Amino acid sequence: MASRDELIKYMTQQLVTYMETPQEQRKLKREAAKAAKEPWLTRWFGIAPLGIALWWRKRRSR
């Protein structure tokens, strides 16, 4: 029973914090998080796509 009460209290605190934060600040925070995230290709396949892309560009320029 106590864990449910704690969960409701936590969710209420998060909601109040979100509502009190100015909209522009929330937008800046969201944009910063998107910019910090690495590209999906690297996240899924590692460094191999970068190596292939560099090799392909070098091959194409010749």
C-alpha atoms as a PDB file:
ATOM      1  CA  MET A   1       0.000   0.000   0.000  1.00  0.00           C
ATOM      2  CA  ALA A   2       2.816   2.419   0.850  1.00  0.00           C
ATOM      3  CA  SER A   3       4.507   1.961  -2.529  1.00  0.00           C
ATOM      4  CA  ARG A   4       1.336   3.062  -4.321  1.00  0.00           C
ATOM      5  CA  ASP A   5       1.161   6.190  -2.181  1.00  0.00           C
ATOM      6  CA  GLU A   6       4.822   6.903  -2.858  1.00  0.00           C
ATOM      7  CA  LEU A   7       4.262   6.454  -6.582  1.00  0.00           C
ATOM      8  CA  ILE A   8       1.326   8.870  -6.579  1.00  0.00           C
ATOM      9  CA  LYS A   9       3.369  11.378  -4.583  1.00  0.00           C
ATOM     10  CA  TYR A  10       6.299  11.079  -7.010  1.00  0.00           C
ATOM     11  CA  MET A  11       4.074  11.450 -10.076  1.00  0.00           C
ATOM     12  CA  THR A  12       2.391  14.507  -8.544  1.00  0.00           C
ATOM     13  CA  GLN A  13       5.763  16.103  -7.808  1.00  0.00           C
ATOM     14  CA  GLN A  14       6.929  15.482 -11.377  1.00  0.00           C
ATOM     15  CA  LEU A  15       3.728  16.946 -12.806  1.00  0.00           C
ATOM     16  CA  VAL A  16       3.964  20.059 -10.645  1.00  0.00           C
ATOM     17  CA  THR A  17       7.625  20.531 -11.569  1.00  0.00           C
ATOM     18  CA  TYR A  18       6.741  20.181 -15.259  1.00  0.00           C
ATOM     19  CA  MET A  19       3.860  22.647 -15.028  1.00  0.00           C
ATOM     20  CA  GLU A  20       5.948  25.233 -13.150  1.00  0.00           C
ATOM     21  CA  THR A  21       8.788  25.123 -15.693  1.00  0.00           C
ATOM     22  CA  PRO A  22       8.417  27.782 -18.405  1.00  0.00           C
ATOM     23  CA  GLN A  23       7.519  26.434 -21.838  1.00  0.00           C
ATOM     24  CA  GLU A  24      10.619  27.892 -23.511  1.00  0.00           C
ATOM     25  CA  GLN A  25      12.899  26.254 -20.967  1.00  0.00           C
ATOM     26  CA  ARG A  26      11.218  22.876 -21.549  1.00  0.00           C
ATOM     27  CA  LYS A  27      11.645  23.336 -25.301  1.00  0.00           C
ATOM     28  CA  LEU A  28      15.347  24.173 -24.929  1.00  0.00           C
ATOM     29  CA  LYS A  29      15.878  21.158 -22.701  1.00  0.00           C
ATOM     30  CA  ARG A  30      14.131  18.885 -25.226  1.00  0.00           C
ATOM     31  CA  GLU A  31      16.201  20.270 -28.134  1.00  0.00           C
ATOM     32  CA  ALA A  32      19.435  19.833 -26.156  1.00  0.00           C
ATOM     33  CA  ALA A  33      18.545  16.204 -25.441  1.00  0.00           C
ATOM     34  CA  LYS A  34      17.875  15.570 -29.141  1.00  0.00           C
ATOM     35  CA  ALA A  35      21.176  17.185 -30.136  1.00  0.00           C
ATOM     36  CA  ALA A  36      23.115  15.106 -27.611  1.00  0.00           C
ATOM     37  CA  LYS A  37      21.678  11.815 -28.852  1.00  0.00           C
ATOM     38  CA  GLU A  38      23.858   9.959 -31.327  1.00  0.00           C
ATOM     39  CA  PRO A  39      22.462   9.069 -34.780  1.00  0.00           C
ATOM     40  CA  TRP A  40      20.292   5.953 -34.961  1.00  0.00           C
ATOM     41  CA  LEU A  41      22.599   4.272 -37.464  1.00  0.00           C
ATOM     42  CA  THR A  42      25.533   4.460 -35.061  1.00  0.00           C
ATOM     43  CA  ARG A  43      23.367   3.453 -32.111  1.00  0.00           C
ATOM     44  CA  TRP A  44      22.109   0.345 -33.895  1.00  0.00           C
ATOM     45  CA  PHE A  45      25.171  -0.785 -35.838  1.00  0.00           C
ATOM     46  CA  GLY A  46      28.179   0.817 -34.148  1.00  0.00           C
ATOM     47  CA  ILE A  47      31.027   2.465 -36.019  1.00  0.00           C
ATOM     48  CA  ALA A  48      30.824   0.229 -39.108  1.00  0.00           C
ATOM     49  CA  PRO A  49      28.396   2.480 -41.071  1.00  0.00           C
ATOM     50  CA  LEU A  50      30.730   5.442 -40.564  1.00  0.00           C
ATOM     51  CA  GLY A  51      33.659   3.451 -41.928  1.00  0.00           C
ATOM     52  CA  ILE A  52      31.648   2.299 -44.921  1.00  0.00           C
ATOM     53  CA  ALA A  53      30.449   5.859 -45.607  1.00  0.00           C
ATOM     54  CA  LEU A  54      34.008   7.207 -45.497  1.00  0.00           C
ATOM     55  CA  TRP A  55      35.240   4.417 -47.753  1.00  0.00           C
ATOM     56  CA  TRP A  56      32.392   5.051 -50.210  1.00  0.00           C
ATOM     57  CA  ARG A  57      33.096   8.808 -50.384  1.00  0.00           C
ATOM     58  CA  LYS A  58      36.810   8.171 -50.964  1.00  0.00           C
ATOM     59  CA  ARG A  59      36.012   5.599 -53.640  1.00  0.00           C
ATOM     60  CA  ARG A  60      33.516   7.916 -55.326  1.00  0.00           C
ATOM     61  CA  SER A  61      35.902  10.902 -55.461  1.00  0.00           C
ATOM     62  CA  ARG A  62      38.525   8.954 -57.424  1.00  0.00           C
END
